[in-house]
Amino acid sequence: MSNYAVESTKVPAPDNVSLHTRLFKPTAGGDASSGNNLGIVLVHPYTVLGGCQGLLGGIASGLAAKGYKAVTFDMRGAGKSTGRPSLTGFAEVKDVIAVCEWVRENVGVQRVLLVGSSAGAPIAGSAVDQIDHVVGYVSIGYPFGLISSVLFGRHHKAILESPKPKFFVMGTRDGFTSVKQLKNKLSSAVGRVEMHLIEGAGHFQMEGPGYDTQMVNLILEFASSL
């Protein structure tokens, strides 16, 4: 018997967009008290390349099994959500904000930790300071490299200048960002900044189920300090 349950709903977003959203929550078999009034919203990789909330289901279920309410959603144009995806991710920032507001109003948590994977990391990063109840940010494979910066470079400033706690997780063989590029970017970041490198892991490997348990543990270790 699973120690978490999943509920699906539609969340309205700007531009007449409807976002297909899943809430993963602990059941009586889980440690329902450990969430400490903190919800975790996960933002999936680049919709244009097939990104969708299903890629984050393993992490979300792991978080719920540990007692946290976790939310995944299809950004506009992905999965069962309406609307069209944007190339640079700025329209999707509105989706992140809408889901975080819905979480506060409907899920019974007052604080949110934002977690972004791949292109979801710059999108989530641009939303962090636009949502008062977001208290921290986790990036999984932020695309800081030169080529990906053509699309997402305008998002960098928002998260690097945010005073909120930030945690960057990346594989040492990430094809979009080198370790040197990551360290150079984080050297200019404001406030509390932490980094964790996974030896030998590539960018797309970390989106796979083989790393879900490790991601859950890293996210929860950071969450416990918020």
C-alpha atoms as a PDB file:
ATOM      1  CA  MET A   1       0.000   0.000   0.000  1.00  0.00           C
ATOM      2  CA  SER A   2       1.363   3.388  -1.019  1.00  0.00           C
ATOM      3  CA  ASN A   3       2.034   5.991   1.662  1.00  0.00           C
ATOM      4  CA  TYR A   4       1.047   8.842  -0.631  1.00  0.00           C
ATOM      5  CA  ALA A   5      -1.943   9.753  -2.779  1.00  0.00           C
ATOM      6  CA  VAL A   6      -2.248  11.733  -6.019  1.00  0.00           C
ATOM      7  CA  GLU A   7      -5.007  14.157  -6.946  1.00  0.00           C
ATOM      8  CA  SER A   8      -5.402  15.882 -10.317  1.00  0.00           C
ATOM      9  CA  THR A   9      -6.957  19.265 -10.944  1.00  0.00           C
ATOM     10  CA  LYS A  10      -6.981  22.190 -13.373  1.00  0.00           C
ATOM     11  CA  VAL A  11      -5.416  25.479 -12.297  1.00  0.00           C
ATOM     12  CA  PRO A  12      -6.297  28.684 -14.180  1.00  0.00           C
ATOM     13  CA  ALA A  13      -3.385  30.820 -15.386  1.00  0.00           C
ATOM     14  CA  PRO A  14      -3.196  34.127 -17.281  1.00  0.00           C
ATOM     15  CA  ASP A  15      -3.948  34.280 -21.018  1.00  0.00           C
ATOM     16  CA  ASN A  16      -6.927  31.913 -20.577  1.00  0.00           C
ATOM     17  CA  VAL A  17      -4.575  28.998 -19.970  1.00  0.00           C
ATOM     18  CA  SER A  18      -5.654  25.947 -17.944  1.00  0.00           C
ATOM     19  CA  LEU A  19      -2.839  23.992 -16.281  1.00  0.00           C
ATOM     20  CA  HIS A  20      -3.139  20.254 -15.643  1.00  0.00           C
ATOM     21  CA  THR A  21      -1.807  19.879 -12.093  1.00  0.00           C
ATOM     22  CA  ARG A  22      -1.110  16.937  -9.785  1.00  0.00           C
ATOM     23  CA  LEU A  23      -0.903  17.092  -5.995  1.00  0.00           C
ATOM     24  CA  PHE A  24       1.136  14.338  -4.339  1.00  0.00           C
ATOM     25  CA  LYS A  25       0.343  14.184  -0.641  1.00  0.00           C
ATOM     26  CA  PRO A  26       1.203  11.928   2.295  1.00  0.00           C
ATOM     27  CA  THR A  27      -1.380   9.472   3.535  1.00  0.00           C
ATOM     28  CA  ALA A  28      -1.762   8.029   7.017  1.00  0.00           C
ATOM     29  CA  GLY A  29       1.076   5.634   6.230  1.00  0.00           C
ATOM     30  CA  GLY A  30       3.548   8.450   5.587  1.00  0.00           C
ATOM     31  CA  ASP A  31       5.179  10.923   7.902  1.00  0.00           C
ATOM     32  CA  ALA A  32       2.566  13.609   7.382  1.00  0.00           C
ATOM     33  CA  SER A  33       4.041  15.901  10.026  1.00  0.00           C
ATOM     34  CA  SER A  34       7.498  16.307   8.515  1.00  0.00           C
ATOM     35  CA  GLY A  35       6.414  18.817   5.870  1.00  0.00           C
ATOM     36  CA  ASN A  36       6.357  21.568   8.477  1.00  0.00           C
ATOM     37  CA  ASN A  37       3.843  23.618   6.479  1.00  0.00           C
ATOM     38  CA  LEU A  38       6.146  23.658   3.449  1.00  0.00           C
ATOM     39  CA  GLY A  39       4.865  22.685   0.015  1.00  0.00           C
ATOM     40  CA  ILE A  40       7.181  21.854  -2.880  1.00  0.00           C
ATOM     41  CA  VAL A  41       6.324  22.935  -6.425  1.00  0.00           C
ATOM     42  CA  LEU A  42       8.292  21.281  -9.234  1.00  0.00           C
ATOM     43  CA  VAL A  43       8.778  22.910 -12.659  1.00  0.00           C
ATOM     44  CA  HIS A  44       9.484  20.522 -15.542  1.00  0.00           C
ATOM     45  CA  PRO A  45      12.044  20.753 -18.401  1.00  0.00           C
ATOM     46  CA  TYR A  46      11.624  22.581 -21.706  1.00  0.00           C
ATOM     47  CA  THR A  47       8.174  22.033 -23.194  1.00  0.00           C
ATOM     48  CA  VAL A  48       9.416  22.646 -26.761  1.00  0.00           C
ATOM     49  CA  LEU A  49      11.645  19.546 -26.464  1.00  0.00           C
ATOM     50  CA  GLY A  50       8.915  17.388 -24.930  1.00  0.00           C
ATOM     51  CA  GLY A  51       9.227  18.374 -21.279  1.00  0.00           C
ATOM     52  CA  CYS A  52       6.211  17.585 -19.113  1.00  0.00           C
ATOM     53  CA  GLN A  53       5.288  17.001 -15.480  1.00  0.00           C
ATOM     54  CA  GLY A  54       5.633  13.243 -15.864  1.00  0.00           C
ATOM     55  CA  LEU A  55       9.421  13.658 -15.764  1.00  0.00           C
ATOM     56  CA  LEU A  56       9.109  14.876 -12.171  1.00  0.00           C
ATOM     57  CA  GLY A  57       6.590  12.335 -10.932  1.00  0.00           C
ATOM     58  CA  GLY A  58       9.223  10.136  -9.326  1.00  0.00           C
ATOM     59  CA  ILE A  59      10.672  13.016  -7.330  1.00  0.00           C
ATOM     60  CA  ALA A  60       7.204  14.257  -6.338  1.00  0.00           C
ATOM     61  CA  SER A  61       6.100  10.821  -5.138  1.00  0.00           C
ATOM     62  CA  GLY A  62       9.336  10.453  -3.167  1.00  0.00           C
ATOM     63  CA  LEU A  63       8.773  13.798  -1.477  1.00  0.00           C
ATOM     64  CA  ALA A  64       5.187  12.857  -0.618  1.00  0.00           C
ATOM     65  CA  ALA A  65       6.320   9.544   0.820  1.00  0.00           C
ATOM     66  CA  LYS A  66       8.620  11.548   3.113  1.00  0.00           C
ATOM     67  CA  GLY A  67       5.720  13.674   4.354  1.00  0.00           C
ATOM     68  CA  TYR A  68       5.753  16.694   2.062  1.00  0.00           C
ATOM     69  CA  LYS A  69       2.978  17.921  -0.191  1.00  0.00           C
ATOM     70  CA  ALA A  70       4.488  18.130  -3.675  1.00  0.00           C
ATOM     71  CA  VAL A  71       2.939  19.589  -6.818  1.00  0.00           C
ATOM     72  CA  THR A  72       3.770  18.989 -10.467  1.00  0.00           C
ATOM     73  CA  PHE A  73       2.034  20.605 -13.427  1.00  0.00           C
ATOM     74  CA  ASP A  74       2.185  20.768 -17.200  1.00  0.00           C
ATOM     75  CA  MET A  75       3.184  24.252 -18.258  1.00  0.00           C
ATOM     76  CA  ARG A  76       1.231  25.857 -21.082  1.00  0.00           C
ATOM     77  CA  GLY A  77       1.313  23.725 -24.218  1.00  0.00           C
ATOM     78  CA  ALA A  78       2.561  20.609 -22.430  1.00  0.00           C
ATOM     79  CA  GLY A  79       0.560  17.461 -21.660  1.00  0.00           C
ATOM     80  CA  LYS A  80      -3.078  18.218 -20.916  1.00  0.00           C
ATOM     81  CA  SER A  81      -2.568  21.948 -20.336  1.00  0.00           C
ATOM     82  CA  THR A  82      -3.918  24.439 -22.840  1.00  0.00           C
ATOM     83  CA  GLY A  83      -2.088  27.293 -24.537  1.00  0.00           C
ATOM     84  CA  ARG A  84       1.177  27.358 -26.443  1.00  0.00           C
ATOM     85  CA  PRO A  85       4.727  27.128 -25.109  1.00  0.00           C
ATOM     86  CA  SER A  86       7.120  30.029 -25.538  1.00  0.00           C
ATOM     87  CA  LEU A  87      10.704  29.694 -26.747  1.00  0.00           C
ATOM     88  CA  THR A  88      12.258  31.743 -23.945  1.00  0.00           C
ATOM     89  CA  GLY A  89      10.082  30.616 -21.031  1.00  0.00           C
ATOM     90  CA  PHE A  90       8.800  34.016 -19.951  1.00  0.00           C
ATOM     91  CA  ALA A  91       5.128  33.182 -20.560  1.00  0.00           C
ATOM     92  CA  GLU A  92       5.641  30.070 -18.429  1.00  0.00           C
ATOM     93  CA  VAL A  93       6.738  32.185 -15.461  1.00  0.00           C
ATOM     94  CA  LYS A  94       3.070  33.195 -15.211  1.00  0.00           C
ATOM     95  CA  ASP A  95       2.190  29.499 -14.937  1.00  0.00           C
ATOM     96  CA  VAL A  96       4.595  28.995 -12.032  1.00  0.00           C
ATOM     97  CA  ILE A  97       3.147  31.985 -10.201  1.00  0.00           C
ATOM     98  CA  ALA A  98      -0.424  30.759 -10.773  1.00  0.00           C
ATOM     99  CA  VAL A  99       0.338  27.283  -9.418  1.00  0.00           C
ATOM    100  CA  CYS A 100       2.157  28.655  -6.360  1.00  0.00           C
ATOM    101  CA  GLU A 101      -0.810  30.904  -5.571  1.00  0.00           C
ATOM    102  CA  TRP A 102      -3.166  27.948  -5.989  1.00  0.00           C
ATOM    103  CA  VAL A 103      -1.012  25.882  -3.624  1.00  0.00           C
ATOM    104  CA  ARG A 104      -1.176  28.516  -0.907  1.00  0.00           C
ATOM    105  CA  GLU A 105      -4.937  28.902  -1.251  1.00  0.00           C
ATOM    106  CA  ASN A 106      -5.904  25.239  -1.626  1.00  0.00           C
ATOM    107  CA  VAL A 107      -3.246  22.875  -0.313  1.00  0.00           C
ATOM    108  CA  GLY A 108      -2.931  24.013   3.293  1.00  0.00           C
ATOM    109  CA  VAL A 109       0.680  25.227   3.242  1.00  0.00           C
ATOM    110  CA  GLN A 110       1.913  28.744   3.847  1.00  0.00           C
ATOM    111  CA  ARG A 111       5.416  28.354   2.432  1.00  0.00           C
ATOM    112  CA  VAL A 112       6.634  27.012  -0.915  1.00  0.00           C
ATOM    113  CA  LEU A 113       9.985  25.667  -2.094  1.00  0.00           C
ATOM    114  CA  LEU A 114      10.370  25.998  -5.860  1.00  0.00           C
ATOM    115  CA  VAL A 115      12.296  23.266  -7.692  1.00  0.00           C
ATOM    116  CA  GLY A 116      13.138  23.650 -11.380  1.00  0.00           C
ATOM    117  CA  SER A 117      14.645  20.985 -13.640  1.00  0.00           C
ATOM    118  CA  SER A 118      16.661  21.888 -16.757  1.00  0.00           C
ATOM    119  CA  ALA A 119      14.814  24.741 -18.541  1.00  0.00           C
ATOM    120  CA  GLY A 120      12.346  24.665 -15.659  1.00  0.00           C
ATOM    121  CA  ALA A 121      15.158  26.023 -13.476  1.00  0.00           C
ATOM    122  CA  PRO A 122      15.464  29.450 -15.170  1.00  0.00           C
ATOM    123  CA  ILE A 123      11.686  29.667 -15.450  1.00  0.00           C
ATOM    124  CA  ALA A 124      11.238  28.934 -11.743  1.00  0.00           C
ATOM    125  CA  GLY A 125      14.122  31.260 -10.922  1.00  0.00           C
ATOM    126  CA  SER A 126      12.378  34.181 -12.590  1.00  0.00           C
ATOM    127  CA  ALA A 127       9.280  33.527 -10.467  1.00  0.00           C
ATOM    128  CA  VAL A 128      10.988  33.288  -7.064  1.00  0.00           C
ATOM    129  CA  ASP A 129      10.887  36.959  -6.094  1.00  0.00           C
ATOM    130  CA  GLN A 130       7.434  37.474  -7.606  1.00  0.00           C
ATOM    131  CA  ILE A 131       5.870  35.152  -5.001  1.00  0.00           C
ATOM    132  CA  ASP A 132       6.095  36.252  -1.373  1.00  0.00           C
ATOM    133  CA  HIS A 133       5.459  32.808   0.099  1.00  0.00           C
ATOM    134  CA  VAL A 134       8.283  31.154  -1.870  1.00  0.00           C
ATOM    135  CA  VAL A 135      11.034  30.738   0.732  1.00  0.00           C
ATOM    136  CA  GLY A 136      13.705  28.914  -1.262  1.00  0.00           C
ATOM    137  CA  TYR A 137      14.789  27.600  -4.646  1.00  0.00           C
ATOM    138  CA  VAL A 138      16.409  24.411  -5.961  1.00  0.00           C
ATOM    139  CA  SER A 139      17.852  24.068  -9.455  1.00  0.00           C
ATOM    140  CA  ILE A 140      18.495  20.694 -11.079  1.00  0.00           C
ATOM    141  CA  GLY A 141      20.753  21.184 -14.104  1.00  0.00           C
ATOM    142  CA  TYR A 142      20.389  24.945 -14.654  1.00  0.00           C
ATOM    143  CA  PRO A 143      21.363  25.670 -18.315  1.00  0.00           C
ATOM    144  CA  PHE A 144      23.920  28.436 -17.734  1.00  0.00           C
ATOM    145  CA  GLY A 145      26.032  27.536 -20.793  1.00  0.00           C
ATOM    146  CA  LEU A 146      26.627  29.848 -23.731  1.00  0.00           C
ATOM    147  CA  ILE A 147      24.359  28.115 -26.241  1.00  0.00           C
ATOM    148  CA  SER A 148      21.399  27.681 -23.873  1.00  0.00           C
ATOM    149  CA  SER A 149      21.851  31.281 -22.716  1.00  0.00           C
ATOM    150  CA  VAL A 150      20.602  32.397 -26.127  1.00  0.00           C
ATOM    151  CA  LEU A 151      17.165  31.200 -24.985  1.00  0.00           C
ATOM    152  CA  PHE A 152      17.349  31.551 -21.211  1.00  0.00           C
ATOM    153  CA  GLY A 153      20.049  34.148 -20.525  1.00  0.00           C
ATOM    154  CA  ARG A 154      17.562  36.846 -19.593  1.00  0.00           C
ATOM    155  CA  HIS A 155      16.370  34.689 -16.692  1.00  0.00           C
ATOM    156  CA  HIS A 156      19.795  34.503 -15.005  1.00  0.00           C
ATOM    157  CA  LYS A 157      19.722  37.879 -13.286  1.00  0.00           C
ATOM    158  CA  ALA A 158      16.458  37.204 -11.429  1.00  0.00           C
ATOM    159  CA  ILE A 159      17.677  34.205  -9.457  1.00  0.00           C
ATOM    160  CA  LEU A 160      21.288  35.327  -9.029  1.00  0.00           C
ATOM    161  CA  GLU A 161      20.102  38.601  -7.490  1.00  0.00           C
ATOM    162  CA  SER A 162      17.374  37.051  -5.348  1.00  0.00           C
ATOM    163  CA  PRO A 163      18.087  37.245  -1.602  1.00  0.00           C
ATOM    164  CA  LYS A 164      16.248  33.952  -1.024  1.00  0.00           C
ATOM    165  CA  PRO A 165      18.226  30.743  -0.292  1.00  0.00           C
ATOM    166  CA  LYS A 166      19.345  28.938  -3.456  1.00  0.00           C
ATOM    167  CA  PHE A 167      20.647  25.423  -4.079  1.00  0.00           C
ATOM    168  CA  PHE A 168      22.114  24.331  -7.436  1.00  0.00           C
ATOM    169  CA  VAL A 169      22.498  20.624  -8.285  1.00  0.00           C
ATOM    170  CA  MET A 170      24.375  19.643 -11.448  1.00  0.00           C
ATOM    171  CA  GLY A 171      26.164  16.674 -12.987  1.00  0.00           C
ATOM    172  CA  THR A 172      29.844  17.102 -13.761  1.00  0.00           C
ATOM    173  CA  ARG A 173      29.183  15.935 -17.329  1.00  0.00           C
ATOM    174  CA  ASP A 174      26.272  18.291 -17.999  1.00  0.00           C
ATOM    175  CA  GLY A 175      26.340  19.031 -21.721  1.00  0.00           C
ATOM    176  CA  PHE A 176      24.770  22.482 -21.361  1.00  0.00           C
ATOM    177  CA  THR A 177      26.822  23.935 -18.511  1.00  0.00           C
ATOM    178  CA  SER A 178      30.382  23.209 -17.430  1.00  0.00           C
ATOM    179  CA  VAL A 179      31.375  23.100 -13.775  1.00  0.00           C
ATOM    180  CA  LYS A 180      33.514  26.189 -14.407  1.00  0.00           C
ATOM    181  CA  GLN A 181      30.542  28.069 -15.899  1.00  0.00           C
ATOM    182  CA  LEU A 182      28.358  27.126 -12.946  1.00  0.00           C
ATOM    183  CA  LYS A 183      30.923  28.256 -10.394  1.00  0.00           C
ATOM    184  CA  ASN A 184      31.536  31.520 -12.248  1.00  0.00           C
ATOM    185  CA  LYS A 185      27.824  32.311 -12.282  1.00  0.00           C
ATOM    186  CA  LEU A 186      27.298  31.448  -8.629  1.00  0.00           C
ATOM    187  CA  SER A 187      30.292  33.553  -7.556  1.00  0.00           C
ATOM    188  CA  SER A 188      28.196  36.645  -8.305  1.00  0.00           C
ATOM    189  CA  ALA A 189      25.004  35.398  -6.619  1.00  0.00           C
ATOM    190  CA  VAL A 190      23.420  37.280  -3.731  1.00  0.00           C
ATOM    191  CA  GLY A 191      22.622  35.756  -0.349  1.00  0.00           C
ATOM    192  CA  ARG A 192      22.863  32.105   0.635  1.00  0.00           C
ATOM    193  CA  VAL A 193      23.992  29.926  -2.255  1.00  0.00           C
ATOM    194  CA  GLU A 194      24.786  26.206  -2.128  1.00  0.00           C
ATOM    195  CA  MET A 195      26.008  23.842  -4.834  1.00  0.00           C
ATOM    196  CA  HIS A 196      26.133  20.056  -5.165  1.00  0.00           C
ATOM    197  CA  LEU A 197      27.924  18.294  -8.026  1.00  0.00           C
ATOM    198  CA  ILE A 198      27.072  14.725  -9.013  1.00  0.00           C
ATOM    199  CA  GLU A 199      30.202  13.083 -10.366  1.00  0.00           C
ATOM    200  CA  GLY A 200      29.873  11.659 -13.868  1.00  0.00           C
ATOM    201  CA  ALA A 201      26.190  12.560 -14.361  1.00  0.00           C
ATOM    202  CA  GLY A 202      24.999  14.077 -17.624  1.00  0.00           C
ATOM    203  CA  HIS A 203      22.212  16.600 -18.051  1.00  0.00           C
ATOM    204  CA  PHE A 204      19.512  14.244 -19.309  1.00  0.00           C
ATOM    205  CA  GLN A 205      20.571  11.416 -17.002  1.00  0.00           C
ATOM    206  CA  MET A 206      19.499  13.514 -14.034  1.00  0.00           C
ATOM    207  CA  GLU A 207      16.007  13.800 -15.504  1.00  0.00           C
ATOM    208  CA  GLY A 208      15.684  10.018 -15.416  1.00  0.00           C
ATOM    209  CA  PRO A 209      14.323   7.807 -12.641  1.00  0.00           C
ATOM    210  CA  GLY A 210      17.783   6.562 -11.699  1.00  0.00           C
ATOM    211  CA  TYR A 211      18.474   9.821  -9.880  1.00  0.00           C
ATOM    212  CA  ASP A 212      15.034  10.405  -8.330  1.00  0.00           C
ATOM    213  CA  THR A 213      15.941   9.123  -4.863  1.00  0.00           C
ATOM    214  CA  GLN A 214      19.125  11.181  -4.766  1.00  0.00           C
ATOM    215  CA  MET A 215      17.218  14.297  -5.843  1.00  0.00           C
ATOM    216  CA  VAL A 216      14.596  13.712  -3.147  1.00  0.00           C
ATOM    217  CA  ASN A 217      17.271  13.439  -0.470  1.00  0.00           C
ATOM    218  CA  LEU A 218      19.095  16.558  -1.661  1.00  0.00           C
ATOM    219  CA  ILE A 219      15.877  18.590  -1.845  1.00  0.00           C
ATOM    220  CA  LEU A 220      14.785  17.503   1.628  1.00  0.00           C
ATOM    221  CA  GLU A 221      18.175  18.252   3.153  1.00  0.00           C
ATOM    222  CA  PHE A 222      17.942  21.783   1.784  1.00  0.00           C
ATOM    223  CA  ALA A 223      14.259  22.107   2.744  1.00  0.00           C
ATOM    224  CA  SER A 224      15.028  21.205   6.347  1.00  0.00           C
ATOM    225  CA  SER A 225      17.147  24.350   6.652  1.00  0.00           C
ATOM    226  CA  LEU A 226      14.432  26.763   5.486  1.00  0.00           C
END
